[in-house]
Amino acid sequence: TAFAVRHRDGRQVRTATSLPGPFNVANAALAVAMVLEAGTDARDLEAA
């Protein structure tokens, strides 16, 4: 599934997960948000 995780301030990361199922989108989105909340720049994470 391809998806984006967007903050209310406009920051976002577009990515995809190869793990099947909507629940894995939830897991992947949580991982993205946790890494961003640790201080990672959204553009750097999306590029990586």
All heavy atoms as atom14 arrays in JSON, in Angstrom:
{
  "sequence": "TAFAVRHRDGRQVRTATSLPGPFNVANAALAVAMVLEAGTDARDLEAA",
  "atom14_mask": [
    [1, 1, 1, 1, 1, 1, 1, 0, 0, 0, 0, 0, 0, 0],
    [1, 1, 1, 1, 1, 0, 0, 0, 0, 0, 0, 0, 0, 0],
    [1, 1, 1, 1, 1, 1, 1, 1, 1, 1, 1, 0, 0, 0],
    [1, 1, 1, 1, 1, 0, 0, 0, 0, 0, 0, 0, 0, 0],
    [1, 1, 1, 1, 1, 1, 1, 0, 0, 0, 0, 0, 0, 0],
    [1, 1, 1, 1, 1, 1, 1, 1, 1, 1, 1, 0, 0, 0],
    [1, 1, 1, 1, 1, 1, 1, 1, 1, 1, 0, 0, 0, 0],
    [1, 1, 1, 1, 1, 1, 1, 1, 1, 1, 1, 0, 0, 0],
    [1, 1, 1, 1, 1, 1, 1, 1, 0, 0, 0, 0, 0, 0],
    [1, 1, 1, 1, 0, 0, 0, 0, 0, 0, 0, 0, 0, 0],
    [1, 1, 1, 1, 1, 1, 1, 1, 1, 1, 1, 0, 0, 0],
    [1, 1, 1, 1, 1, 1, 1, 1, 1, 0, 0, 0, 0, 0],
    [1, 1, 1, 1, 1, 1, 1, 0, 0, 0, 0, 0, 0, 0],
    [1, 1, 1, 1, 1, 1, 1, 1, 1, 1, 1, 0, 0, 0],
    [1, 1, 1, 1, 1, 1, 1, 0, 0, 0, 0, 0, 0, 0],
    [1, 1, 1, 1, 1, 0, 0, 0, 0, 0, 0, 0, 0, 0],
    [1, 1, 1, 1, 1, 1, 1, 0, 0, 0, 0, 0, 0, 0],
    [1, 1, 1, 1, 1, 1, 0, 0, 0, 0, 0, 0, 0, 0],
    [1, 1, 1, 1, 1, 1, 1, 1, 0, 0, 0, 0, 0, 0],
    [1, 1, 1, 1, 1, 1, 1, 0, 0, 0, 0, 0, 0, 0],
    [1, 1, 1, 1, 0, 0, 0, 0, 0, 0, 0, 0, 0, 0],
    [1, 1, 1, 1, 1, 1, 1, 0, 0, 0, 0, 0, 0, 0],
    [1, 1, 1, 1, 1, 1, 1, 1, 1, 1, 1, 0, 0, 0],
    [1, 1, 1, 1, 1, 1, 1, 1, 0, 0, 0, 0, 0, 0],
    [1, 1, 1, 1, 1, 1, 1, 0, 0, 0, 0, 0, 0, 0],
    [1, 1, 1, 1, 1, 0, 0, 0, 0, 0, 0, 0, 0, 0],
    [1, 1, 1, 1, 1, 1, 1, 1, 0, 0, 0, 0, 0, 0],
    [1, 1, 1, 1, 1, 0, 0, 0, 0, 0, 0, 0, 0, 0],
    [1, 1, 1, 1, 1, 0, 0, 0, 0, 0, 0, 0, 0, 0],
    [1, 1, 1, 1, 1, 1, 1, 1, 0, 0, 0, 0, 0, 0],
    [1, 1, 1, 1, 1, 0, 0, 0, 0, 0, 0, 0, 0, 0],
    [1, 1, 1, 1, 1, 1, 1, 0, 0, 0, 0, 0, 0, 0],
    [1, 1, 1, 1, 1, 0, 0, 0, 0, 0, 0, 0, 0, 0],
    [1, 1, 1, 1, 1, 1, 1, 1, 0, 0, 0, 0, 0, 0],
    [1, 1, 1, 1, 1, 1, 1, 0, 0, 0, 0, 0, 0, 0],
    [1, 1, 1, 1, 1, 1, 1, 1, 0, 0, 0, 0, 0, 0],
    [1, 1, 1, 1, 1, 1, 1, 1, 1, 0, 0, 0, 0, 0],
    [1, 1, 1, 1, 1, 0, 0, 0, 0, 0, 0, 0, 0, 0],
    [1, 1, 1, 1, 0, 0, 0, 0, 0, 0, 0, 0, 0, 0],
    [1, 1, 1, 1, 1, 1, 1, 0, 0, 0, 0, 0, 0, 0],
    [1, 1, 1, 1, 1, 1, 1, 1, 0, 0, 0, 0, 0, 0],
    [1, 1, 1, 1, 1, 0, 0, 0, 0, 0, 0, 0, 0, 0],
    [1, 1, 1, 1, 1, 1, 1, 1, 1, 1, 1, 0, 0, 0],
    [1, 1, 1, 1, 1, 1, 1, 1, 0, 0, 0, 0, 0, 0],
    [1, 1, 1, 1, 1, 1, 1, 1, 0, 0, 0, 0, 0, 0],
    [1, 1, 1, 1, 1, 1, 1, 1, 1, 0, 0, 0, 0, 0],
    [1, 1, 1, 1, 1, 0, 0, 0, 0, 0, 0, 0, 0, 0],
    [1, 1, 1, 1, 1, 0, 0, 0, 0, 0, 0, 0, 0, 0]
  ],
  "atom14_positions": [
    [[0.84, -1.2, 0.0], [0.0, 0.0, 0.0], [0.87, 1.25, 0.0], [1.83, 1.34, 0.77], [-0.91, 0.04, 1.24], [-1.62, -1.2, 1.35], [-1.9, 1.18, 1.16], [0.0, 0.0, 0.0], [0.0, 0.0, 0.0], [0.0, 0.0, 0.0], [0.0, 0.0, 0.0], [0.0, 0.0, 0.0], [0.0, 0.0, 0.0], [0.0, 0.0, 0.0]],
    [[0.53, 2.22, -0.87], [1.14, 3.54, -0.82], [0.28, 4.43, 0.09], [-0.95, 4.27, 0.15], [1.23, 4.14, -2.21], [0.0, 0.0, 0.0], [0.0, 0.0, 0.0], [0.0, 0.0, 0.0], [0.0, 0.0, 0.0], [0.0, 0.0, 0.0], [0.0, 0.0, 0.0], [0.0, 0.0, 0.0], [0.0, 0.0, 0.0], [0.0, 0.0, 0.0]],
    [[0.9, 5.34, 0.79], [0.16, 6.22, 1.69], [1.04, 7.42, 2.05], [2.25, 7.44, 1.75], [-0.26, 5.48, 2.97], [0.9, 5.04, 3.82], [1.36, 5.81, 4.88], [1.56, 3.84, 3.55], [2.44, 5.41, 5.65], [2.64, 3.42, 4.32], [3.08, 4.21, 5.37], [0.0, 0.0, 0.0], [0.0, 0.0, 0.0], [0.0, 0.0, 0.0]],
    [[0.43, 8.38, 2.68], [1.17, 9.52, 3.21], [0.77, 9.74, 4.66], [-0.39, 9.48, 5.04], [0.9, 10.78, 2.38], [0.0, 0.0, 0.0], [0.0, 0.0, 0.0], [0.0, 0.0, 0.0], [0.0, 0.0, 0.0], [0.0, 0.0, 0.0], [0.0, 0.0, 0.0], [0.0, 0.0, 0.0], [0.0, 0.0, 0.0], [0.0, 0.0, 0.0]],
    [[1.7, 10.21, 5.45], [1.43, 10.6, 6.84], [1.61, 12.11, 6.91], [2.7, 12.62, 6.63], [2.39, 9.9, 7.82], [2.07, 10.31, 9.26], [2.3, 8.39, 7.68], [0.0, 0.0, 0.0], [0.0, 0.0, 0.0], [0.0, 0.0, 0.0], [0.0, 0.0, 0.0], [0.0, 0.0, 0.0], [0.0, 0.0, 0.0], [0.0, 0.0, 0.0]],
    [[0.52, 12.82, 7.22], [0.52, 14.29, 7.16], [0.24, 14.9, 8.53], [-0.69, 14.47, 9.23], [-0.52, 14.77, 6.15], [-0.57, 16.28, 5.95], [-1.61, 16.63, 4.91], [-1.28, 16.03, 3.61], [-2.16, 15.82, 2.64], [-3.43, 16.15, 2.83], [-1.77, 15.27, 1.5], [0.0, 0.0, 0.0], [0.0, 0.0, 0.0], [0.0, 0.0, 0.0]],
    [[1.04, 15.88, 8.89], [0.83, 16.6, 10.15], [-0.11, 17.77, 9.91], [-0.21, 18.29, 8.79], [2.17, 17.09, 10.7], [2.11, 17.54, 12.12], [1.78, 18.82, 12.5], [2.33, 16.85, 13.27], [1.8, 18.92, 13.82], [2.14, 17.73, 14.32], [0.0, 0.0, 0.0], [0.0, 0.0, 0.0], [0.0, 0.0, 0.0], [0.0, 0.0, 0.0]],
    [[-0.77, 18.19, 10.94], [-1.69, 19.31, 10.81], [-0.98, 20.61, 10.42], [-1.6, 21.55, 9.91], [-2.48, 19.51, 12.1], [-1.64, 19.87, 13.31], [-2.52, 20.28, 14.48], [-3.19, 19.17, 15.09], [-4.33, 19.27, 15.77], [-4.92, 20.44, 15.88], [-4.85, 18.21, 16.35], [0.0, 0.0, 0.0], [0.0, 0.0, 0.0], [0.0, 0.0, 0.0]],
    [[0.38, 20.67, 10.63], [1.12, 21.86, 10.24], [1.59, 21.82, 8.79], [2.29, 22.73, 8.31], [2.32, 22.1, 11.17], [3.38, 20.98, 11.09], [3.3, 20.13, 10.18], [4.28, 20.97, 11.95], [0.0, 0.0, 0.0], [0.0, 0.0, 0.0], [0.0, 0.0, 0.0], [0.0, 0.0, 0.0], [0.0, 0.0, 0.0], [0.0, 0.0, 0.0]],
    [[1.25, 20.75, 8.07], [1.58, 20.66, 6.65], [2.72, 19.72, 6.32], [2.89, 19.33, 5.16], [0.0, 0.0, 0.0], [0.0, 0.0, 0.0], [0.0, 0.0, 0.0], [0.0, 0.0, 0.0], [0.0, 0.0, 0.0], [0.0, 0.0, 0.0], [0.0, 0.0, 0.0], [0.0, 0.0, 0.0], [0.0, 0.0, 0.0], [0.0, 0.0, 0.0]],
    [[3.53, 19.36, 7.29], [4.61, 18.39, 7.02], [4.0, 17.06, 6.62], [2.96, 16.67, 7.14], [5.47, 18.19, 8.27], [6.37, 19.33, 8.64], [7.12, 19.0, 9.92], [6.22, 18.93, 11.07], [6.42, 18.18, 12.15], [7.49, 17.4, 12.2], [5.57, 18.19, 13.16], [0.0, 0.0, 0.0], [0.0, 0.0, 0.0], [0.0, 0.0, 0.0]],
    [[4.67, 16.35, 5.72], [4.18, 15.03, 5.37], [5.3, 14.17, 4.82], [6.33, 14.67, 4.36], [3.03, 15.09, 4.38], [3.41, 15.42, 2.96], [2.23, 15.23, 2.02], [1.07, 15.12, 2.43], [2.5, 15.18, 0.73], [0.0, 0.0, 0.0], [0.0, 0.0, 0.0], [0.0, 0.0, 0.0], [0.0, 0.0, 0.0], [0.0, 0.0, 0.0]],
    [[5.09, 12.86, 4.89], [5.98, 11.88, 4.3], [5.15, 10.96, 3.44], [4.19, 10.35, 3.92], [6.72, 11.07, 5.38], [7.46, 9.88, 4.76], [7.7, 11.94, 6.14], [0.0, 0.0, 0.0], [0.0, 0.0, 0.0], [0.0, 0.0, 0.0], [0.0, 0.0, 0.0], [0.0, 0.0, 0.0], [0.0, 0.0, 0.0], [0.0, 0.0, 0.0]],
    [[5.52, 10.86, 2.16], [4.88, 9.91, 1.25], [5.77, 8.69, 1.12], [6.96, 8.82, 0.86], [4.67, 10.54, -0.13], [3.59, 11.59, -0.17], [3.27, 12.0, -1.59], [2.15, 12.94, -1.6], [0.87, 12.59, -1.56], [0.56, 11.29, -1.56], [-0.09, 13.48, -1.55], [0.0, 0.0, 0.0], [0.0, 0.0, 0.0], [0.0, 0.0, 0.0]],
    [[5.2, 7.52, 1.3], [5.98, 6.3, 1.2], [5.04, 5.14, 0.9], [3.88, 5.34, 0.52], [6.79, 6.06, 2.5], [7.69, 4.97, 2.3], [5.88, 5.78, 3.69], [0.0, 0.0, 0.0], [0.0, 0.0, 0.0], [0.0, 0.0, 0.0], [0.0, 0.0, 0.0], [0.0, 0.0, 0.0], [0.0, 0.0, 0.0], [0.0, 0.0, 0.0]],
    [[5.52, 3.94, 1.05], [4.7, 2.75, 0.82], [5.23, 1.63, 1.69], [6.39, 1.64, 2.12], [4.74, 2.33, -0.65], [0.0, 0.0, 0.0], [0.0, 0.0, 0.0], [0.0, 0.0, 0.0], [0.0, 0.0, 0.0], [0.0, 0.0, 0.0], [0.0, 0.0, 0.0], [0.0, 0.0, 0.0], [0.0, 0.0, 0.0], [0.0, 0.0, 0.0]],
    [[4.38, 0.67, 1.97], [4.81, -0.53, 2.67], [4.43, -1.75, 1.83], [3.34, -1.79, 1.25], [4.21, -0.65, 4.08], [4.67, -1.87, 4.68], [2.69, -0.63, 4.06], [0.0, 0.0, 0.0], [0.0, 0.0, 0.0], [0.0, 0.0, 0.0], [0.0, 0.0, 0.0], [0.0, 0.0, 0.0], [0.0, 0.0, 0.0], [0.0, 0.0, 0.0]],
    [[5.33, -2.71, 1.77], [5.03, -3.95, 1.04], [4.28, -4.94, 1.91], [3.82, -5.98, 1.43], [6.34, -4.58, 0.55], [7.19, -4.88, 1.65], [0.0, 0.0, 0.0], [0.0, 0.0, 0.0], [0.0, 0.0, 0.0], [0.0, 0.0, 0.0], [0.0, 0.0, 0.0], [0.0, 0.0, 0.0], [0.0, 0.0, 0.0], [0.0, 0.0, 0.0]],
    [[4.14, -4.66, 3.22], [3.43, -5.56, 4.12], [1.93, -5.46, 3.86], [1.39, -4.36, 3.79], [3.73, -5.2, 5.58], [5.21, -5.25, 5.97], [5.4, -4.76, 7.4], [5.76, -6.66, 5.82], [0.0, 0.0, 0.0], [0.0, 0.0, 0.0], [0.0, 0.0, 0.0], [0.0, 0.0, 0.0], [0.0, 0.0, 0.0], [0.0, 0.0, 0.0]],
    [[1.23, -6.57, 3.7], [-0.17, -6.53, 3.29], [-1.12, -6.15, 4.41], [-0.85, -6.39, 5.59], [-0.43, -7.97, 2.83], [0.51, -8.79, 3.65], [1.74, -7.95, 3.83], [0.0, 0.0, 0.0], [0.0, 0.0, 0.0], [0.0, 0.0, 0.0], [0.0, 0.0, 0.0], [0.0, 0.0, 0.0], [0.0, 0.0, 0.0], [0.0, 0.0, 0.0]],
    [[-2.25, -5.55, 4.04], [-3.34, -5.32, 4.98], [-3.39, -3.91, 5.54], [-2.34, -3.29, 5.77], [0.0, 0.0, 0.0], [0.0, 0.0, 0.0], [0.0, 0.0, 0.0], [0.0, 0.0, 0.0], [0.0, 0.0, 0.0], [0.0, 0.0, 0.0], [0.0, 0.0, 0.0], [0.0, 0.0, 0.0], [0.0, 0.0, 0.0], [0.0, 0.0, 0.0]],
    [[-4.6, -3.41, 5.79], [-4.74, -2.07, 6.39], [-4.06, -1.94, 7.74], [-3.58, -0.86, 8.1], [-6.27, -1.93, 6.53], [-6.84, -2.86, 5.52], [-5.9, -4.02, 5.45], [0.0, 0.0, 0.0], [0.0, 0.0, 0.0], [0.0, 0.0, 0.0], [0.0, 0.0, 0.0], [0.0, 0.0, 0.0], [0.0, 0.0, 0.0], [0.0, 0.0, 0.0]],
    [[-4.02, -3.03, 8.54], [-3.39, -2.93, 9.85], [-1.89, -2.67, 9.71], [-1.28, -2.06, 10.59], [-3.67, -4.16, 10.7], [-3.09, -5.46, 10.17], [-1.89, -5.94, 10.63], [-3.79, -6.21, 9.23], [-1.36, -7.13, 10.16], [-3.27, -7.41, 8.76], [-2.05, -7.87, 9.22], [0.0, 0.0, 0.0], [0.0, 0.0, 0.0], [0.0, 0.0, 0.0]],
    [[-1.28, -3.13, 8.61], [0.13, -2.84, 8.42], [0.36, -1.41, 7.94], [1.44, -0.86, 8.14], [0.76, -3.85, 7.47], [1.21, -5.1, 8.21], [1.75, -5.02, 9.31], [0.98, -6.26, 7.62], [0.0, 0.0, 0.0], [0.0, 0.0, 0.0], [0.0, 0.0, 0.0], [0.0, 0.0, 0.0], [0.0, 0.0, 0.0], [0.0, 0.0, 0.0]],
    [[-0.63, -0.8, 7.3], [-0.55, 0.63, 7.03], [-0.53, 1.38, 8.36], [0.24, 2.34, 8.54], [-1.73, 1.09, 6.16], [-1.73, 2.62, 6.01], [-1.68, 0.42, 4.79], [0.0, 0.0, 0.0], [0.0, 0.0, 0.0], [0.0, 0.0, 0.0], [0.0, 0.0, 0.0], [0.0, 0.0, 0.0], [0.0, 0.0, 0.0], [0.0, 0.0, 0.0]],
    [[-1.35, 0.95, 9.31], [-1.35, 1.58, 10.63], [0.0, 1.42, 11.31], [0.53, 2.37, 11.9], [-2.46, 0.97, 11.49], [0.0, 0.0, 0.0], [0.0, 0.0, 0.0], [0.0, 0.0, 0.0], [0.0, 0.0, 0.0], [0.0, 0.0, 0.0], [0.0, 0.0, 0.0], [0.0, 0.0, 0.0], [0.0, 0.0, 0.0], [0.0, 0.0, 0.0]],
    [[0.56, 0.21, 11.25], [1.87, -0.01, 11.86], [2.95, 0.86, 11.2], [3.79, 1.46, 11.88], [2.27, -1.48, 11.74], [1.37, -2.41, 12.54], [0.79, -2.01, 13.54], [1.24, -3.64, 12.08], [0.0, 0.0, 0.0], [0.0, 0.0, 0.0], [0.0, 0.0, 0.0], [0.0, 0.0, 0.0], [0.0, 0.0, 0.0], [0.0, 0.0, 0.0]],
    [[2.92, 0.92, 9.87], [3.92, 1.71, 9.15], [3.76, 3.2, 9.43], [4.75, 3.93, 9.6], [3.81, 1.43, 7.65], [0.0, 0.0, 0.0], [0.0, 0.0, 0.0], [0.0, 0.0, 0.0], [0.0, 0.0, 0.0], [0.0, 0.0, 0.0], [0.0, 0.0, 0.0], [0.0, 0.0, 0.0], [0.0, 0.0, 0.0], [0.0, 0.0, 0.0]],
    [[2.52, 3.67, 9.48], [2.28, 5.08, 9.76], [2.75, 5.45, 11.17], [3.31, 6.53, 11.38], [0.79, 5.4, 9.6], [0.0, 0.0, 0.0], [0.0, 0.0, 0.0], [0.0, 0.0, 0.0], [0.0, 0.0, 0.0], [0.0, 0.0, 0.0], [0.0, 0.0, 0.0], [0.0, 0.0, 0.0], [0.0, 0.0, 0.0], [0.0, 0.0, 0.0]],
    [[2.51, 4.55, 12.12], [2.98, 4.8, 13.48], [4.5, 4.89, 13.51], [5.08, 5.77, 14.16], [2.49, 3.7, 14.42], [2.98, 3.78, 15.88], [2.61, 5.11, 16.52], [2.42, 2.61, 16.69], [0.0, 0.0, 0.0], [0.0, 0.0, 0.0], [0.0, 0.0, 0.0], [0.0, 0.0, 0.0], [0.0, 0.0, 0.0], [0.0, 0.0, 0.0]],
    [[5.17, 3.99, 12.8], [6.63, 4.03, 12.75], [7.12, 5.34, 12.17], [8.06, 5.97, 12.7], [7.15, 2.84, 11.94], [0.0, 0.0, 0.0], [0.0, 0.0, 0.0], [0.0, 0.0, 0.0], [0.0, 0.0, 0.0], [0.0, 0.0, 0.0], [0.0, 0.0, 0.0], [0.0, 0.0, 0.0], [0.0, 0.0, 0.0], [0.0, 0.0, 0.0]],
    [[6.49, 5.79, 11.08], [6.88, 7.06, 10.46], [6.69, 8.21, 11.44], [7.58, 9.06, 11.61], [6.06, 7.29, 9.17], [6.22, 8.73, 8.68], [6.48, 6.32, 8.09], [0.0, 0.0, 0.0], [0.0, 0.0, 0.0], [0.0, 0.0, 0.0], [0.0, 0.0, 0.0], [0.0, 0.0, 0.0], [0.0, 0.0, 0.0], [0.0, 0.0, 0.0]],
    [[5.53, 8.26, 12.09], [5.26, 9.35, 13.03], [6.23, 9.34, 14.2], [6.68, 10.4, 14.66], [3.82, 9.26, 13.52], [0.0, 0.0, 0.0], [0.0, 0.0, 0.0], [0.0, 0.0, 0.0], [0.0, 0.0, 0.0], [0.0, 0.0, 0.0], [0.0, 0.0, 0.0], [0.0, 0.0, 0.0], [0.0, 0.0, 0.0], [0.0, 0.0, 0.0]],
    [[6.59, 8.16, 14.7], [7.53, 8.08, 15.82], [8.91, 8.61, 15.42], [9.54, 9.34, 16.18], [7.63, 6.64, 16.32], [6.39, 6.14, 17.03], [6.53, 4.4, 17.54], [7.8, 4.52, 18.82], [0.0, 0.0, 0.0], [0.0, 0.0, 0.0], [0.0, 0.0, 0.0], [0.0, 0.0, 0.0], [0.0, 0.0, 0.0], [0.0, 0.0, 0.0]],
    [[9.36, 8.24, 14.24], [10.67, 8.72, 13.77], [10.64, 10.24, 13.58], [11.6, 10.94, 13.94], [11.07, 8.0, 12.47], [12.32, 8.62, 11.86], [11.3, 6.52, 12.75], [0.0, 0.0, 0.0], [0.0, 0.0, 0.0], [0.0, 0.0, 0.0], [0.0, 0.0, 0.0], [0.0, 0.0, 0.0], [0.0, 0.0, 0.0], [0.0, 0.0, 0.0]],
    [[9.54, 10.77, 13.06], [9.42, 12.21, 12.9], [9.36, 12.92, 14.25], [9.97, 13.99, 14.44], [8.18, 12.54, 12.06], [8.24, 12.11, 10.59], [6.88, 12.3, 9.92], [9.32, 12.88, 9.85], [0.0, 0.0, 0.0], [0.0, 0.0, 0.0], [0.0, 0.0, 0.0], [0.0, 0.0, 0.0], [0.0, 0.0, 0.0], [0.0, 0.0, 0.0]],
    [[8.65, 12.34, 15.21], [8.56, 12.95, 16.53], [9.9, 12.91, 17.28], [10.11, 13.66, 18.23], [7.48, 12.26, 17.36], [6.06, 12.56, 16.93], [5.67, 14.01, 17.16], [6.18, 14.63, 18.12], [4.85, 14.54, 16.38], [0.0, 0.0, 0.0], [0.0, 0.0, 0.0], [0.0, 0.0, 0.0], [0.0, 0.0, 0.0], [0.0, 0.0, 0.0]],
    [[10.81, 12.06, 16.82], [12.15, 12.03, 17.41], [13.02, 13.17, 16.89], [14.15, 13.35, 17.35], [12.83, 10.7, 17.11], [0.0, 0.0, 0.0], [0.0, 0.0, 0.0], [0.0, 0.0, 0.0], [0.0, 0.0, 0.0], [0.0, 0.0, 0.0], [0.0, 0.0, 0.0], [0.0, 0.0, 0.0], [0.0, 0.0, 0.0], [0.0, 0.0, 0.0]],
    [[12.5, 13.94, 15.93], [13.24, 15.09, 15.44], [13.73, 14.98, 14.01], [14.4, 15.9, 13.51], [0.0, 0.0, 0.0], [0.0, 0.0, 0.0], [0.0, 0.0, 0.0], [0.0, 0.0, 0.0], [0.0, 0.0, 0.0], [0.0, 0.0, 0.0], [0.0, 0.0, 0.0], [0.0, 0.0, 0.0], [0.0, 0.0, 0.0], [0.0, 0.0, 0.0]],
    [[13.4, 13.9, 13.32], [13.84, 13.73, 11.94], [13.07, 14.67, 11.01], [11.85, 14.83, 11.15], [13.62, 12.27, 11.49], [14.34, 11.4, 12.36], [14.1, 12.07, 10.07], [0.0, 0.0, 0.0], [0.0, 0.0, 0.0], [0.0, 0.0, 0.0], [0.0, 0.0, 0.0], [0.0, 0.0, 0.0], [0.0, 0.0, 0.0], [0.0, 0.0, 0.0]],
    [[13.75, 15.28, 10.07], [13.11, 16.13, 9.09], [12.29, 15.27, 8.13], [12.76, 14.23, 7.65], [14.16, 16.93, 8.32], [13.54, 17.92, 7.35], [13.23, 17.51, 6.2], [13.35, 19.08, 7.73], [0.0, 0.0, 0.0], [0.0, 0.0, 0.0], [0.0, 0.0, 0.0], [0.0, 0.0, 0.0], [0.0, 0.0, 0.0], [0.0, 0.0, 0.0]],
    [[11.07, 15.69, 7.84], [10.17, 14.91, 6.99], [10.77, 14.69, 5.6], [10.63, 13.61, 5.02], [8.81, 15.6, 6.88], [0.0, 0.0, 0.0], [0.0, 0.0, 0.0], [0.0, 0.0, 0.0], [0.0, 0.0, 0.0], [0.0, 0.0, 0.0], [0.0, 0.0, 0.0], [0.0, 0.0, 0.0], [0.0, 0.0, 0.0], [0.0, 0.0, 0.0]],
    [[11.44, 15.7, 5.05], [12.03, 15.56, 3.72], [13.16, 14.53, 3.73], [13.3, 13.74, 2.8], [12.53, 16.9, 3.22], [11.41, 17.92, 2.94], [11.94, 19.31, 2.82], [12.53, 19.77, 4.09], [13.0, 20.99, 4.31], [12.96, 21.89, 3.33], [13.5, 21.33, 5.48], [0.0, 0.0, 0.0], [0.0, 0.0, 0.0], [0.0, 0.0, 0.0]],
    [[13.94, 14.54, 4.8], [15.03, 13.56, 4.9], [14.48, 12.14, 5.0], [15.01, 11.21, 4.37], [15.9, 13.85, 6.12], [16.7, 15.14, 5.98], [16.86, 15.61, 4.84], [17.15, 15.67, 7.02], [0.0, 0.0, 0.0], [0.0, 0.0, 0.0], [0.0, 0.0, 0.0], [0.0, 0.0, 0.0], [0.0, 0.0, 0.0], [0.0, 0.0, 0.0]],
    [[13.41, 11.95, 5.8], [12.84, 10.62, 5.96], [12.22, 10.14, 4.66], [12.4, 8.97, 4.26], [11.81, 10.62, 7.09], [11.14, 9.27, 7.36], [12.16, 8.2, 7.67], [10.13, 9.39, 8.51], [0.0, 0.0, 0.0], [0.0, 0.0, 0.0], [0.0, 0.0, 0.0], [0.0, 0.0, 0.0], [0.0, 0.0, 0.0], [0.0, 0.0, 0.0]],
    [[11.49, 11.01, 3.97], [10.87, 10.6, 2.71], [11.93, 10.2, 1.69], [11.78, 9.17, 1.0], [10.01, 11.74, 2.15], [9.26, 11.34, 0.89], [8.25, 12.39, 0.46], [7.29, 12.63, 1.21], [8.44, 12.95, -0.64], [0.0, 0.0, 0.0], [0.0, 0.0, 0.0], [0.0, 0.0, 0.0], [0.0, 0.0, 0.0], [0.0, 0.0, 0.0]],
    [[13.0, 10.96, 1.61], [14.07, 10.63, 0.67], [14.75, 9.31, 1.04], [15.06, 8.49, 0.17], [15.1, 11.76, 0.63], [0.0, 0.0, 0.0], [0.0, 0.0, 0.0], [0.0, 0.0, 0.0], [0.0, 0.0, 0.0], [0.0, 0.0, 0.0], [0.0, 0.0, 0.0], [0.0, 0.0, 0.0], [0.0, 0.0, 0.0], [0.0, 0.0, 0.0]],
    [[14.97, 9.11, 2.33], [15.63, 7.87, 2.78], [14.76, 6.65, 2.49], [15.25, 5.62, 2.01], [15.94, 7.97, 4.27], [0.0, 0.0, 0.0], [0.0, 0.0, 0.0], [0.0, 0.0, 0.0], [0.0, 0.0, 0.0], [0.0, 0.0, 0.0], [0.0, 0.0, 0.0], [0.0, 0.0, 0.0], [0.0, 0.0, 0.0], [0.0, 0.0, 0.0]]
  ]
}
